[in-house]
Amino acid sequence: MADHTIAQSELAAHEITLTAGTIEAFVFEGDVTAVEVFSHDGAAIVYATIDGSTPVVRGAKSLAIPAAQGGTIFAPPGYRGRFVVKLISEGTPKMTVSRADRS
């Protein structure tokens, strides 16, 4: 698993190419009210978790992000402090994960 830390003064981790079957964790420091997961190329479906759990391809507890170019916004319910978004895919899409609230 690879970790990408987004400091409180930073907005995003840009253009990270996922490795098939490998979890990428994006750790946001500071308060976060919304996060955008953006696919640059829509190369594959991406599965995500926003509650600290481990995402699984086609897992019943994972959120699915379509294999399409564009972004999906997630709002962690009432979260304060470190926030972790974890992604996994069967393919190798290029992703950016950013603060959507721009705090």
PDB file of N, CA and C in Angstrom:
ATOM      1  N   MET A   1       0.853  -1.178   0.000  1.00  0.00           N
ATOM      2  CA  MET A   1       0.000   0.000   0.000  1.00  0.00           C
ATOM      3  C   MET A   1       0.893   1.232   0.000  1.00  0.00           C
ATOM      4  N   ALA A   2       0.547   2.188  -0.847  1.00  0.00           N
ATOM      5  CA  ALA A   2       1.260   3.459  -0.889  1.00  0.00           C
ATOM      6  C   ALA A   2       0.431   4.524  -0.184  1.00  0.00           C
ATOM      7  N   ASP A   3       1.113   5.384   0.565  1.00  0.00           N
ATOM      8  CA  ASP A   3       0.442   6.479   1.255  1.00  0.00           C
ATOM      9  C   ASP A   3       0.847   7.808   0.644  1.00  0.00           C
ATOM     10  N   HIS A   4      -0.125   8.685   0.511  1.00  0.00           N
ATOM     11  CA  HIS A   4       0.096  10.044   0.025  1.00  0.00           C
ATOM     12  C   HIS A   4      -0.487  10.974   1.077  1.00  0.00           C
ATOM     13  N   THR A   5       0.348  11.824   1.665  1.00  0.00           N
ATOM     14  CA  THR A   5      -0.125  12.735   2.698  1.00  0.00           C
ATOM     15  C   THR A   5      -0.384  14.103   2.091  1.00  0.00           C
ATOM     16  N   ILE A   6      -1.574  14.633   2.348  1.00  0.00           N
ATOM     17  CA  ILE A   6      -1.953  15.973   1.907  1.00  0.00           C
ATOM     18  C   ILE A   6      -1.996  16.833   3.167  1.00  0.00           C
ATOM     19  N   ALA A   7      -0.985  17.685   3.335  1.00  0.00           N
ATOM     20  CA  ALA A   7      -0.883  18.529   4.520  1.00  0.00           C
ATOM     21  C   ALA A   7      -2.057  19.500   4.573  1.00  0.00           C
ATOM     22  N   GLN A   8      -2.306  20.047   5.752  1.00  0.00           N
ATOM     23  CA  GLN A   8      -3.423  20.970   5.920  1.00  0.00           C
ATOM     24  C   GLN A   8      -3.304  22.164   4.967  1.00  0.00           C
ATOM     25  N   SER A   9      -2.094  22.576   4.638  1.00  0.00           N
ATOM     26  CA  SER A   9      -1.892  23.716   3.737  1.00  0.00           C
ATOM     27  C   SER A   9      -1.927  23.332   2.259  1.00  0.00           C
ATOM     28  N   GLU A  10      -2.076  22.051   1.960  1.00  0.00           N
ATOM     29  CA  GLU A  10      -2.104  21.568   0.578  1.00  0.00           C
ATOM     30  C   GLU A  10      -3.523  21.179   0.170  1.00  0.00           C
ATOM     31  N   LEU A  11      -3.736  21.113  -1.146  1.00  0.00           N
ATOM     32  CA  LEU A  11      -5.062  20.770  -1.656  1.00  0.00           C
ATOM     33  C   LEU A  11      -5.200  19.337  -2.139  1.00  0.00           C
ATOM     34  N   ALA A  12      -4.138  18.773  -2.758  1.00  0.00           N
ATOM     35  CA  ALA A  12      -4.342  17.499  -3.452  1.00  0.00           C
ATOM     36  C   ALA A  12      -3.070  16.704  -3.657  1.00  0.00           C
ATOM     37  N   ALA A  13      -3.276  15.430  -3.997  1.00  0.00           N
ATOM     38  CA  ALA A  13      -2.242  14.564  -4.565  1.00  0.00           C
ATOM     39  C   ALA A  13      -2.675  14.361  -6.013  1.00  0.00           C
ATOM     40  N   HIS A  14      -1.852  14.822  -6.952  1.00  0.00           N
ATOM     41  CA  HIS A  14      -2.247  14.862  -8.362  1.00  0.00           C
ATOM     42  C   HIS A  14      -1.673  13.717  -9.187  1.00  0.00           C
ATOM     43  N   GLU A  15      -2.474  13.263 -10.130  1.00  0.00           N
ATOM     44  CA  GLU A  15      -2.085  12.329 -11.184  1.00  0.00           C
ATOM     45  C   GLU A  15      -1.319  11.115 -10.663  1.00  0.00           C
ATOM     46  N   ILE A  16      -1.943  10.431  -9.721  1.00  0.00           N
ATOM     47  CA  ILE A  16      -1.388   9.192  -9.174  1.00  0.00           C
ATOM     48  C   ILE A  16      -1.955   8.035  -9.996  1.00  0.00           C
ATOM     49  N   THR A  17      -1.084   7.260 -10.619  1.00  0.00           N
ATOM     50  CA  THR A  17      -1.543   6.107 -11.389  1.00  0.00           C
ATOM     51  C   THR A  17      -1.651   4.920 -10.452  1.00  0.00           C
ATOM     52  N   LEU A  18      -2.867   4.391 -10.330  1.00  0.00           N
ATOM     53  CA  LEU A  18      -3.080   3.229  -9.480  1.00  0.00           C
ATOM     54  C   LEU A  18      -2.425   2.004 -10.103  1.00  0.00           C
ATOM     55  N   THR A  19      -1.927   1.126  -9.256  1.00  0.00           N
ATOM     56  CA  THR A  19      -1.406  -0.163  -9.676  1.00  0.00           C
ATOM     57  C   THR A  19      -2.505  -1.185  -9.439  1.00  0.00           C
ATOM     58  N   ALA A  20      -2.809  -1.986 -10.433  1.00  0.00           N
ATOM     59  CA  ALA A  20      -3.905  -2.956 -10.318  1.00  0.00           C
ATOM     60  C   ALA A  20      -3.748  -3.808  -9.058  1.00  0.00           C
ATOM     61  N   GLY A  21      -4.829  -3.867  -8.260  1.00  0.00           N
ATOM     62  CA  GLY A  21      -4.862  -4.705  -7.080  1.00  0.00           C
ATOM     63  C   GLY A  21      -4.109  -4.159  -5.871  1.00  0.00           C
ATOM     64  N   THR A  22      -3.597  -2.933  -5.957  1.00  0.00           N
ATOM     65  CA  THR A  22      -2.827  -2.338  -4.864  1.00  0.00           C
ATOM     66  C   THR A  22      -3.577  -1.141  -4.276  1.00  0.00           C
ATOM     67  N   ILE A  23      -3.677  -1.091  -2.969  1.00  0.00           N
ATOM     68  CA  ILE A  23      -4.378   0.007  -2.297  1.00  0.00           C
ATOM     69  C   ILE A  23      -3.485   1.240  -2.251  1.00  0.00           C
ATOM     70  N   GLU A  24      -4.072   2.381  -2.567  1.00  0.00           N
ATOM     71  CA  GLU A  24      -3.421   3.684  -2.415  1.00  0.00           C
ATOM     72  C   GLU A  24      -4.205   4.433  -1.352  1.00  0.00           C
ATOM     73  N   ALA A  25      -3.517   4.927  -0.328  1.00  0.00           N
ATOM     74  CA  ALA A  25      -4.168   5.670   0.746  1.00  0.00           C
ATOM     75  C   ALA A  25      -3.798   7.143   0.645  1.00  0.00           C
ATOM     76  N   PHE A  26      -4.797   8.000   0.764  1.00  0.00           N
ATOM     77  CA  PHE A  26      -4.614   9.447   0.708  1.00  0.00           C
ATOM     78  C   PHE A  26      -4.999   9.996   2.072  1.00  0.00           C
ATOM     79  N   VAL A  27      -4.022  10.522   2.792  1.00  0.00           N
ATOM     80  CA  VAL A  27      -4.207  10.963   4.167  1.00  0.00           C
ATOM     81  C   VAL A  27      -4.280  12.486   4.187  1.00  0.00           C
ATOM     82  N   PHE A  28      -5.436  13.010   4.576  1.00  0.00           N
ATOM     83  CA  PHE A  28      -5.634  14.450   4.682  1.00  0.00           C
ATOM     84  C   PHE A  28      -5.422  14.868   6.130  1.00  0.00           C
ATOM     85  N   GLU A  29      -4.523  15.810   6.333  1.00  0.00           N
ATOM     86  CA  GLU A  29      -4.311  16.351   7.668  1.00  0.00           C
ATOM     87  C   GLU A  29      -5.212  17.563   7.850  1.00  0.00           C
ATOM     88  N   GLY A  30      -5.710  17.759   9.043  1.00  0.00           N
ATOM     89  CA  GLY A  30      -6.615  18.874   9.306  1.00  0.00           C
ATOM     90  C   GLY A  30      -8.056  18.504   9.001  1.00  0.00           C
ATOM     91  N   ASP A  31      -8.944  19.445   9.246  1.00  0.00           N
ATOM     92  CA  ASP A  31     -10.370  19.211   9.033  1.00  0.00           C
ATOM     93  C   ASP A  31     -10.691  19.109   7.545  1.00  0.00           C
ATOM     94  N   VAL A  32     -11.570  18.181   7.212  1.00  0.00           N
ATOM     95  CA  VAL A  32     -12.010  17.980   5.834  1.00  0.00           C
ATOM     96  C   VAL A  32     -13.525  17.802   5.856  1.00  0.00           C
ATOM     97  N   THR A  33     -14.230  18.573   5.027  1.00  0.00           N
ATOM     98  CA  THR A  33     -15.674  18.396   4.946  1.00  0.00           C
ATOM     99  C   THR A  33     -16.112  17.745   3.639  1.00  0.00           C
ATOM    100  N   ALA A  34     -15.230  17.745   2.634  1.00  0.00           N
ATOM    101  CA  ALA A  34     -15.545  17.094   1.359  1.00  0.00           C
ATOM    102  C   ALA A  34     -14.253  16.794   0.606  1.00  0.00           C
ATOM    103  N   VAL A  35     -14.248  15.652  -0.075  1.00  0.00           N
ATOM    104  CA  VAL A  35     -13.085  15.220  -0.853  1.00  0.00           C
ATOM    105  C   VAL A  35     -13.558  14.841  -2.246  1.00  0.00           C
ATOM    106  N   GLU A  36     -12.773  15.243  -3.255  1.00  0.00           N
ATOM    107  CA  GLU A  36     -13.080  14.844  -4.627  1.00  0.00           C
ATOM    108  C   GLU A  36     -12.060  13.812  -5.094  1.00  0.00           C
ATOM    109  N   VAL A  37     -12.569  12.714  -5.659  1.00  0.00           N
ATOM    110  CA  VAL A  37     -11.728  11.702  -6.288  1.00  0.00           C
ATOM    111  C   VAL A  37     -11.974  11.843  -7.784  1.00  0.00           C
ATOM    112  N   PHE A  38     -10.929  12.232  -8.524  1.00  0.00           N
ATOM    113  CA  PHE A  38     -11.057  12.567  -9.942  1.00  0.00           C
ATOM    114  C   PHE A  38     -10.263  11.587 -10.787  1.00  0.00           C
ATOM    115  N   SER A  39     -10.926  11.006 -11.785  1.00  0.00           N
ATOM    116  CA  SER A  39     -10.259  10.116 -12.734  1.00  0.00           C
ATOM    117  C   SER A  39      -9.913  10.918 -13.994  1.00  0.00           C
ATOM    118  N   HIS A  40      -8.625  10.942 -14.316  1.00  0.00           N
ATOM    119  CA  HIS A  40      -8.166  11.683 -15.491  1.00  0.00           C
ATOM    120  C   HIS A  40      -8.504  10.965 -16.790  1.00  0.00           C
ATOM    121  N   ASP A  41      -8.520   9.630 -16.753  1.00  0.00           N
ATOM    122  CA  ASP A  41      -8.681   8.884 -17.999  1.00  0.00           C
ATOM    123  C   ASP A  41      -9.837   7.884 -18.013  1.00  0.00           C
ATOM    124  N   GLY A  42     -10.453   7.625 -16.867  1.00  0.00           N
ATOM    125  CA  GLY A  42     -11.563   6.677 -16.831  1.00  0.00           C
ATOM    126  C   GLY A  42     -11.175   5.278 -17.249  1.00  0.00           C
ATOM    127  N   ALA A  43      -9.931   4.903 -17.008  1.00  0.00           N
ATOM    128  CA  ALA A  43      -9.409   3.622 -17.491  1.00  0.00           C
ATOM    129  C   ALA A  43     -10.023   2.401 -16.813  1.00  0.00           C
ATOM    130  N   ALA A  44     -10.565   2.565 -15.604  1.00  0.00           N
ATOM    131  CA  ALA A  44     -11.117   1.413 -14.882  1.00  0.00           C
ATOM    132  C   ALA A  44     -12.002   1.901 -13.745  1.00  0.00           C
ATOM    133  N   ILE A  45     -12.890   1.030 -13.271  1.00  0.00           N
ATOM    134  CA  ILE A  45     -13.673   1.331 -12.077  1.00  0.00           C
ATOM    135  C   ILE A  45     -12.710   1.378 -10.893  1.00  0.00           C
ATOM    136  N   VAL A  46     -12.941   2.329 -10.008  1.00  0.00           N
ATOM    137  CA  VAL A  46     -12.138   2.468  -8.799  1.00  0.00           C
ATOM    138  C   VAL A  46     -13.068   2.254  -7.609  1.00  0.00           C
ATOM    139  N   TYR A  47     -12.596   1.527  -6.624  1.00  0.00           N
ATOM    140  CA  TYR A  47     -13.362   1.276  -5.409  1.00  0.00           C
ATOM    141  C   TYR A  47     -12.698   2.035  -4.266  1.00  0.00           C
ATOM    142  N   ALA A  48     -13.519   2.644  -3.411  1.00  0.00           N
ATOM    143  CA  ALA A  48     -13.001   3.524  -2.371  1.00  0.00           C
ATOM    144  C   ALA A  48     -13.644   3.255  -1.026  1.00  0.00           C
ATOM    145  N   THR A  49     -12.911   3.617   0.027  1.00  0.00           N
ATOM    146  CA  THR A  49     -13.485   3.697   1.360  1.00  0.00           C
ATOM    147  C   THR A  49     -13.100   5.045   1.952  1.00  0.00           C
ATOM    148  N   ILE A  50     -13.984   5.574   2.793  1.00  0.00           N
ATOM    149  CA  ILE A  50     -13.722   6.851   3.449  1.00  0.00           C
ATOM    150  C   ILE A  50     -13.869   6.734   4.962  1.00  0.00           C
ATOM    151  N   ASP A  51     -13.913   5.498   5.456  1.00  0.00           N
ATOM    152  CA  ASP A  51     -14.109   5.273   6.898  1.00  0.00           C
ATOM    153  C   ASP A  51     -12.921   4.576   7.559  1.00  0.00           C
ATOM    154  N   GLY A  52     -11.798   4.513   6.845  1.00  0.00           N
ATOM    155  CA  GLY A  52     -10.609   3.867   7.397  1.00  0.00           C
ATOM    156  C   GLY A  52     -10.520   2.378   7.111  1.00  0.00           C
ATOM    157  N   SER A  53     -11.588   1.801   6.575  1.00  0.00           N
ATOM    158  CA  SER A  53     -11.567   0.371   6.267  1.00  0.00           C
ATOM    159  C   SER A  53     -10.812   0.119   4.957  1.00  0.00           C
ATOM    160  N   THR A  54     -10.606  -1.139   4.660  1.00  0.00           N
ATOM    161  CA  THR A  54      -9.863  -1.534   3.462  1.00  0.00           C
ATOM    162  C   THR A  54     -10.815  -1.731   2.292  1.00  0.00           C
ATOM    163  N   PRO A  55     -10.582  -1.021   1.166  1.00  0.00           N
ATOM    164  CA  PRO A  55     -11.453  -1.225   0.003  1.00  0.00           C
ATOM    165  C   PRO A  55     -11.167  -2.558  -0.677  1.00  0.00           C
ATOM    166  N   VAL A  56     -12.207  -3.098  -1.286  1.00  0.00           N
ATOM    167  CA  VAL A  56     -12.100  -4.363  -1.997  1.00  0.00           C
ATOM    168  C   VAL A  56     -12.754  -4.179  -3.362  1.00  0.00           C
ATOM    169  N   VAL A  57     -12.126  -4.689  -4.409  1.00  0.00           N
ATOM    170  CA  VAL A  57     -12.720  -4.637  -5.737  1.00  0.00           C
ATOM    171  C   VAL A  57     -14.069  -5.340  -5.694  1.00  0.00           C
ATOM    172  N   ARG A  58     -15.129  -4.638  -6.090  1.00  0.00           N
ATOM    173  CA  ARG A  58     -16.509  -5.126  -6.070  1.00  0.00           C
ATOM    174  C   ARG A  58     -16.980  -5.484  -4.658  1.00  0.00           C
ATOM    175  N   GLY A  59     -16.332  -4.931  -3.635  1.00  0.00           N
ATOM    176  CA  GLY A  59     -16.689  -5.237  -2.247  1.00  0.00           C
ATOM    177  C   GLY A  59     -17.968  -4.533  -1.827  1.00  0.00           C
ATOM    178  N   ALA A  60     -18.765  -5.221  -1.040  1.00  0.00           N
ATOM    179  CA  ALA A  60     -20.049  -4.680  -0.588  1.00  0.00           C
ATOM    180  C   ALA A  60     -19.902  -3.459   0.313  1.00  0.00           C
ATOM    181  N   LYS A  61     -18.738  -3.262   0.908  1.00  0.00           N
ATOM    182  CA  LYS A  61     -18.510  -2.112   1.786  1.00  0.00           C
ATOM    183  C   LYS A  61     -17.631  -1.050   1.128  1.00  0.00           C
ATOM    184  N   SER A  62     -17.417  -1.174  -0.168  1.00  0.00           N
ATOM    185  CA  SER A  62     -16.610  -0.199  -0.912  1.00  0.00           C
ATOM    186  C   SER A  62     -17.506   0.641  -1.814  1.00  0.00           C
ATOM    187  N   LEU A  63     -17.157   1.906  -1.951  1.00  0.00           N
ATOM    188  CA  LEU A  63     -17.875   2.805  -2.855  1.00  0.00           C
ATOM    189  C   LEU A  63     -17.297   2.636  -4.264  1.00  0.00           C
ATOM    190  N   ALA A  64     -18.136   2.615  -5.280  1.00  0.00           N
ATOM    191  CA  ALA A  64     -17.674   2.444  -6.659  1.00  0.00           C
ATOM    192  C   ALA A  64     -17.632   3.789  -7.372  1.00  0.00           C
ATOM    193  N   ILE A  65     -16.504   4.058  -8.023  1.00  0.00           N
ATOM    194  CA  ILE A  65     -16.337   5.258  -8.839  1.00  0.00           C
ATOM    195  C   ILE A  65     -16.298   4.778 -10.285  1.00  0.00           C
ATOM    196  N   PRO A  66     -17.215   5.253 -11.121  1.00  0.00           N
ATOM    197  CA  PRO A  66     -17.328   4.733 -12.486  1.00  0.00           C
ATOM    198  C   PRO A  66     -16.056   4.861 -13.307  1.00  0.00           C
ATOM    199  N   ALA A  67     -15.932   3.971 -14.276  1.00  0.00           N
ATOM    200  CA  ALA A  67     -14.823   4.038 -15.233  1.00  0.00           C
ATOM    201  C   ALA A  67     -15.161   5.110 -16.263  1.00  0.00           C
ATOM    202  N   ALA A  68     -15.016   6.346 -15.847  1.00  0.00           N
ATOM    203  CA  ALA A  68     -15.327   7.492 -16.692  1.00  0.00           C
ATOM    204  C   ALA A  68     -14.447   8.657 -16.257  1.00  0.00           C
ATOM    205  N   GLN A  69     -14.133   9.515 -17.182  1.00  0.00           N
ATOM    206  CA  GLN A  69     -13.358  10.700 -16.833  1.00  0.00           C
ATOM    207  C   GLN A  69     -14.251  11.653 -16.053  1.00  0.00           C
ATOM    208  N   GLY A  70     -13.765  12.124 -14.912  1.00  0.00           N
ATOM    209  CA  GLY A  70     -14.545  13.047 -14.101  1.00  0.00           C
ATOM    210  C   GLY A  70     -14.354  12.781 -12.625  1.00  0.00           C
ATOM    211  N   GLY A  71     -15.058  13.573 -11.806  1.00  0.00           N
ATOM    212  CA  GLY A  71     -14.871  13.495 -10.370  1.00  0.00           C
ATOM    213  C   GLY A  71     -16.106  13.066  -9.616  1.00  0.00           C
ATOM    214  N   THR A  72     -15.859  12.507  -8.436  1.00  0.00           N
ATOM    215  CA  THR A  72     -16.903  12.118  -7.501  1.00  0.00           C
ATOM    216  C   THR A  72     -16.558  12.751  -6.168  1.00  0.00           C
ATOM    217  N   ILE A  73     -17.540  13.400  -5.533  1.00  0.00           N
ATOM    218  CA  ILE A  73     -17.301  14.067  -4.261  1.00  0.00           C
ATOM    219  C   ILE A  73     -17.889  13.238  -3.128  1.00  0.00           C
ATOM    220  N   PHE A  74     -17.074  13.066  -2.083  1.00  0.00           N
ATOM    221  CA  PHE A  74     -17.491  12.352  -0.888  1.00  0.00           C
ATOM    222  C   PHE A  74     -17.407  13.305   0.293  1.00  0.00           C
ATOM    223  N   ALA A  75     -18.392  13.234   1.163  1.00  0.00           N
ATOM    224  CA  ALA A  75     -18.403  14.067   2.370  1.00  0.00           C
ATOM    225  C   ALA A  75     -18.350  13.162   3.584  1.00  0.00           C
ATOM    226  N   PRO A  76     -17.229  13.182   4.301  1.00  0.00           N
ATOM    227  CA  PRO A  76     -17.170  12.365   5.511  1.00  0.00           C
ATOM    228  C   PRO A  76     -18.107  12.949   6.561  1.00  0.00           C
ATOM    229  N   PRO A  77     -18.958  12.151   7.157  1.00  0.00           N
ATOM    230  CA  PRO A  77     -19.939  12.687   8.102  1.00  0.00           C
ATOM    231  C   PRO A  77     -19.289  13.182   9.396  1.00  0.00           C
ATOM    232  N   GLY A  78     -19.280  14.503   9.570  1.00  0.00           N
ATOM    233  CA  GLY A  78     -18.809  15.107  10.806  1.00  0.00           C
ATOM    234  C   GLY A  78     -17.376  14.823  11.177  1.00  0.00           C
ATOM    235  N   TYR A  79     -16.514  14.597  10.197  1.00  0.00           N
ATOM    236  CA  TYR A  79     -15.147  14.199  10.503  1.00  0.00           C
ATOM    237  C   TYR A  79     -14.262  15.403  10.781  1.00  0.00           C
ATOM    238  N   ARG A  80     -13.403  15.293  11.799  1.00  0.00           N
ATOM    239  CA  ARG A  80     -12.426  16.327  12.126  1.00  0.00           C
ATOM    240  C   ARG A  80     -11.081  15.651  12.390  1.00  0.00           C
ATOM    241  N   GLY A  81     -10.011  16.256  11.911  1.00  0.00           N
ATOM    242  CA  GLY A  81      -8.675  15.693  12.106  1.00  0.00           C
ATOM    243  C   GLY A  81      -8.236  14.914  10.887  1.00  0.00           C
ATOM    244  N   ARG A  82      -7.353  13.950  11.062  1.00  0.00           N
ATOM    245  CA  ARG A  82      -6.848  13.140   9.933  1.00  0.00           C
ATOM    246  C   ARG A  82      -7.984  12.359   9.283  1.00  0.00           C
ATOM    247  N   PHE A  83      -8.012  12.409   7.971  1.00  0.00           N
ATOM    248  CA  PHE A  83      -9.043  11.713   7.204  1.00  0.00           C
ATOM    249  C   PHE A  83      -8.351  10.909   6.118  1.00  0.00           C
ATOM    250  N   VAL A  84      -8.752   9.658   5.925  1.00  0.00           N
ATOM    251  CA  VAL A  84      -8.083   8.776   4.966  1.00  0.00           C
ATOM    252  C   VAL A  84      -9.069   8.288   3.911  1.00  0.00           C
ATOM    253  N   VAL A  85      -8.680   8.461   2.655  1.00  0.00           N
ATOM    254  CA  VAL A  85      -9.405   7.904   1.520  1.00  0.00           C
ATOM    255  C   VAL A  85      -8.517   6.793   0.964  1.00  0.00           C
ATOM    256  N   LYS A  86      -9.086   5.599   0.795  1.00  0.00           N
ATOM    257  CA  LYS A  86      -8.320   4.485   0.233  1.00  0.00           C
ATOM    258  C   LYS A  86      -8.956   4.069  -1.088  1.00  0.00           C
ATOM    259  N   LEU A  87      -8.112   3.832  -2.085  1.00  0.00           N
ATOM    260  CA  LEU A  87      -8.573   3.445  -3.420  1.00  0.00           C
ATOM    261  C   LEU A  87      -7.926   2.139  -3.853  1.00  0.00           C
ATOM    262  N   ILE A  88      -8.671   1.366  -4.657  1.00  0.00           N
ATOM    263  CA  ILE A  88      -8.140   0.170  -5.292  1.00  0.00           C
ATOM    264  C   ILE A  88      -8.871  -0.012  -6.615  1.00  0.00           C
ATOM    265  N   SER A  89      -8.209  -0.648  -7.565  1.00  0.00           N
ATOM    266  CA  SER A  89      -8.812  -0.890  -8.874  1.00  0.00           C
ATOM    267  C   SER A  89      -8.197  -2.142  -9.487  1.00  0.00           C
ATOM    268  N   GLU A  90      -8.921  -2.735 -10.430  1.00  0.00           N
ATOM    269  CA  GLU A  90      -8.348  -3.847 -11.191  1.00  0.00           C
ATOM    270  C   GLU A  90      -7.476  -3.319 -12.328  1.00  0.00           C
ATOM    271  N   GLY A  91      -7.635  -2.043 -12.642  1.00  0.00           N
ATOM    272  CA  GLY A  91      -6.879  -1.438 -13.733  1.00  0.00           C
ATOM    273  C   GLY A  91      -5.853  -0.448 -13.225  1.00  0.00           C
ATOM    274  N   THR A  92      -5.451   0.456 -14.127  1.00  0.00           N
ATOM    275  CA  THR A  92      -4.410   1.432 -13.797  1.00  0.00           C
ATOM    276  C   THR A  92      -4.844   2.858 -14.150  1.00  0.00           C
ATOM    277  N   PRO A  93      -5.974   3.312 -13.617  1.00  0.00           N
ATOM    278  CA  PRO A  93      -6.415   4.668 -13.918  1.00  0.00           C
ATOM    279  C   PRO A  93      -5.520   5.712 -13.236  1.00  0.00           C
ATOM    280  N   LYS A  94      -5.476   6.891 -13.826  1.00  0.00           N
ATOM    281  CA  LYS A  94      -4.730   8.014 -13.252  1.00  0.00           C
ATOM    282  C   LYS A  94      -5.706   8.870 -12.461  1.00  0.00           C
ATOM    283  N   MET A  95      -5.405   9.068 -11.163  1.00  0.00           N
ATOM    284  CA  MET A  95      -6.336   9.710 -10.242  1.00  0.00           C
ATOM    285  C   MET A  95      -5.732  10.935  -9.565  1.00  0.00           C
ATOM    286  N   THR A  96      -6.583  11.891  -9.236  1.00  0.00           N
ATOM    287  CA  THR A  96      -6.237  12.996  -8.346  1.00  0.00           C
ATOM    288  C   THR A  96      -7.238  12.958  -7.202  1.00  0.00           C
ATOM    289  N   VAL A  97      -6.743  13.102  -5.978  1.00  0.00           N
ATOM    290  CA  VAL A  97      -7.607  13.147  -4.806  1.00  0.00           C
ATOM    291  C   VAL A  97      -7.357  14.495  -4.136  1.00  0.00           C
ATOM    292  N   SER A  98      -8.428  15.282  -3.950  1.00  0.00           N
ATOM    293  CA  SER A  98      -8.259  16.645  -3.465  1.00  0.00           C
ATOM    294  C   SER A  98      -9.332  17.036  -2.459  1.00  0.00           C
ATOM    295  N   ARG A  99      -9.013  18.089  -1.704  1.00  0.00           N
ATOM    296  CA  ARG A  99     -10.016  18.716  -0.836  1.00  0.00           C
ATOM    297  C   ARG A  99     -11.048  19.376  -1.744  1.00  0.00           C
ATOM    298  N   ALA A 100     -12.286  19.023  -1.583  1.00  0.00           N
ATOM    299  CA  ALA A 100     -13.337  19.653  -2.389  1.00  0.00           C
ATOM    300  C   ALA A 100     -13.857  20.902  -1.704  1.00  0.00           C
ATOM    301  N   ASP A 101     -13.600  20.995  -0.401  1.00  0.00           N
ATOM    302  CA  ASP A 101     -14.074  22.150   0.354  1.00  0.00           C
ATOM    303  C   ASP A 101     -13.057  23.296   0.330  1.00  0.00           C
ATOM    304  N   ARG A 102     -11.845  23.018  -0.133  1.00  0.00           N
ATOM    305  CA  ARG A 102     -10.762  23.994  -0.248  1.00  0.00           C
ATOM    306  C   ARG A 102     -10.469  24.686   1.076  1.00  0.00           C
ATOM    307  N   SER A 103     -10.599  23.936   2.184  1.00  0.00           N
ATOM    308  CA  SER A 103     -10.320  24.506   3.507  1.00  0.00           C
ATOM    309  C   SER A 103      -8.836  24.581   3.774  1.00  0.00           C
TER     310      SER A 103
END
